[in-house]
């Protein structure tokens, strides 16, 4: 997936080291998963072609995946019962907050993380 990046100095002027990159295409959407490190921390950056991205600090990765897995499980159960999953939140060190919610448009339902 080709997308403009922050450049060799990263977003904060620090050099970033890329450990792992994986591109995944789901229907018409393409996502890029990158595991990186800079002078401040290690993190996972998940980006889409429309330039939306989320940055997950490495120490929060396990908690993020737990909430995501639980949300997806609830979503599947609620699909069978025709219910809408309630939004969930994950807060890390009073600095980073993720909200998981279900959205819907003319193409169907989707998970939104912000």
Protein backbone atom coordinates (compact mmCIF):
# COMPACT_ATOMS: atom_id res chain seq x y z
CA UNK A 1 0.00 0.00 0.00
CA UNK A 2 1.55 3.28 -1.05
CA UNK A 3 0.68 6.23 1.17
CA UNK A 4 2.50 9.40 2.11
CA UNK A 5 4.27 9.02 5.42
CA UNK A 6 5.82 11.36 7.91
CA UNK A 7 9.26 10.95 6.32
CA UNK A 8 12.46 9.49 7.76
CA UNK A 9 12.24 11.72 10.80
CA UNK A 10 8.80 10.43 11.82
CA UNK A 11 6.04 12.63 13.16
CA UNK A 12 8.21 14.06 15.96
CA UNK A 13 11.50 14.44 14.09
CA UNK A 14 12.83 11.14 15.49
CA UNK A 15 14.14 8.33 13.35
CA UNK A 16 11.66 5.47 13.17
CA UNK A 17 12.66 1.84 12.83
CA UNK A 18 10.18 -0.43 11.06
CA UNK A 19 10.16 -3.96 12.52
CA UNK A 20 7.16 -5.40 10.71
CA UNK A 21 4.70 -4.34 8.01
CA UNK A 22 1.66 -6.20 6.74
CA UNK A 23 -0.91 -4.98 4.21
CA UNK A 24 -4.39 -6.49 4.29
CA UNK A 25 -7.20 -5.97 1.79
CA UNK A 26 -10.79 -6.52 2.92
CA UNK A 27 -13.36 -6.00 0.15
CA UNK A 28 -12.61 -2.48 -1.17
CA UNK A 29 -10.59 -1.39 1.88
CA UNK A 30 -6.85 -1.75 2.29
CA UNK A 31 -5.12 -1.53 5.67
CA UNK A 32 -1.46 -1.26 6.55
CA UNK A 33 -0.22 -2.61 9.91
CA UNK A 34 3.23 -1.39 10.94
CA UNK A 35 5.13 -2.16 14.13
CA UNK A 36 7.71 0.58 14.71
CA UNK A 37 10.03 2.12 17.25
CA UNK A 38 11.27 5.66 17.73
CA UNK A 39 13.25 7.33 20.53
CA UNK A 40 10.11 7.54 22.69
CA UNK A 41 8.47 4.12 22.39
CA UNK A 42 7.45 1.11 20.33
CA UNK A 43 4.02 1.22 18.73
CA UNK A 44 1.68 -0.26 16.17
CA UNK A 45 0.32 2.05 13.50
CA UNK A 46 -2.81 0.91 11.65
CA UNK A 47 -3.58 3.00 8.56
CA UNK A 48 -6.10 2.89 5.76
CA UNK A 49 -5.84 4.22 2.20
CA UNK A 50 -8.05 7.19 3.05
CA UNK A 51 -5.28 8.26 5.45
CA UNK A 52 -7.10 7.47 8.68
CA UNK A 53 -4.83 5.89 11.25
CA UNK A 54 -4.56 4.89 14.88
CA UNK A 55 -1.37 4.56 16.89
CA UNK A 56 -1.31 1.96 19.67
CA UNK A 57 1.56 2.08 22.19
CA UNK A 58 3.22 -1.34 22.52
CA UNK A 59 2.42 -1.58 26.24
CA UNK A 60 -1.29 -1.21 25.39
CA UNK A 61 -1.34 -3.70 22.52
CA UNK A 62 -2.54 -6.69 24.61
CA UNK A 63 -5.33 -4.64 26.23
CA UNK A 64 -6.34 -3.21 22.84
CA UNK A 65 -6.57 -6.70 21.32
CA UNK A 66 -8.56 -7.99 24.33
CA UNK A 67 -11.13 -5.20 23.99
CA UNK A 68 -11.25 -5.65 20.21
CA UNK A 69 -11.77 -9.41 20.53
CA UNK A 70 -14.50 -8.94 23.15
CA UNK A 71 -16.20 -6.28 21.04
CA UNK A 72 -16.13 -8.51 17.95
CA UNK A 73 -17.51 -11.45 19.93
CA UNK A 74 -20.33 -9.27 21.31
CA UNK A 75 -20.97 -7.98 17.80
CA UNK A 76 -21.36 -11.51 16.39
CA UNK A 77 -23.70 -12.52 19.24
CA UNK A 78 -25.76 -9.35 18.85
CA UNK A 79 -26.00 -9.89 15.07
CA UNK A 80 -27.78 -13.18 15.75
CA UNK A 81 -30.11 -11.47 18.24
CA UNK A 82 -30.62 -8.38 16.00
CA UNK A 83 -29.12 -6.06 18.66
CA UNK A 84 -26.57 -3.28 18.25
CA UNK A 85 -23.35 -3.62 20.25
CA UNK A 86 -22.77 -0.92 22.86
CA UNK A 87 -19.68 1.27 22.43
CA UNK A 88 -16.65 0.30 24.51
CA UNK A 89 -13.72 2.37 25.69
CA UNK A 90 -10.10 1.64 26.52
CA UNK A 91 -8.04 4.25 28.35
CA UNK A 92 -4.26 3.98 28.71
CA UNK A 93 -2.27 6.04 31.22
CA UNK A 94 -4.85 8.86 31.11
CA UNK A 95 -3.29 9.87 27.78
CA UNK A 96 -4.67 7.62 25.08
CA UNK A 97 -8.32 6.67 24.76
CA UNK A 98 -9.82 4.35 22.17
CA UNK A 99 -13.55 4.09 21.45
CA UNK A 100 -14.94 0.99 19.73
CA UNK A 101 -18.37 1.41 18.16
CA UNK A 102 -20.58 -0.05 15.45
CA UNK A 103 -21.49 2.13 12.51
CA UNK A 104 -23.75 1.52 9.58
CA UNK A 105 -24.04 2.90 6.06
CA UNK A 106 -25.59 1.79 2.76
CA UNK A 107 -22.96 -0.97 2.41
CA UNK A 108 -23.63 -2.52 5.82
CA UNK A 109 -22.35 -2.42 9.39
CA UNK A 110 -18.74 -1.77 10.35
CA UNK A 111 -16.50 -1.37 13.39
CA UNK A 112 -15.20 2.13 14.02
CA UNK A 113 -12.21 2.69 16.30
CA UNK A 114 -11.17 6.22 17.19
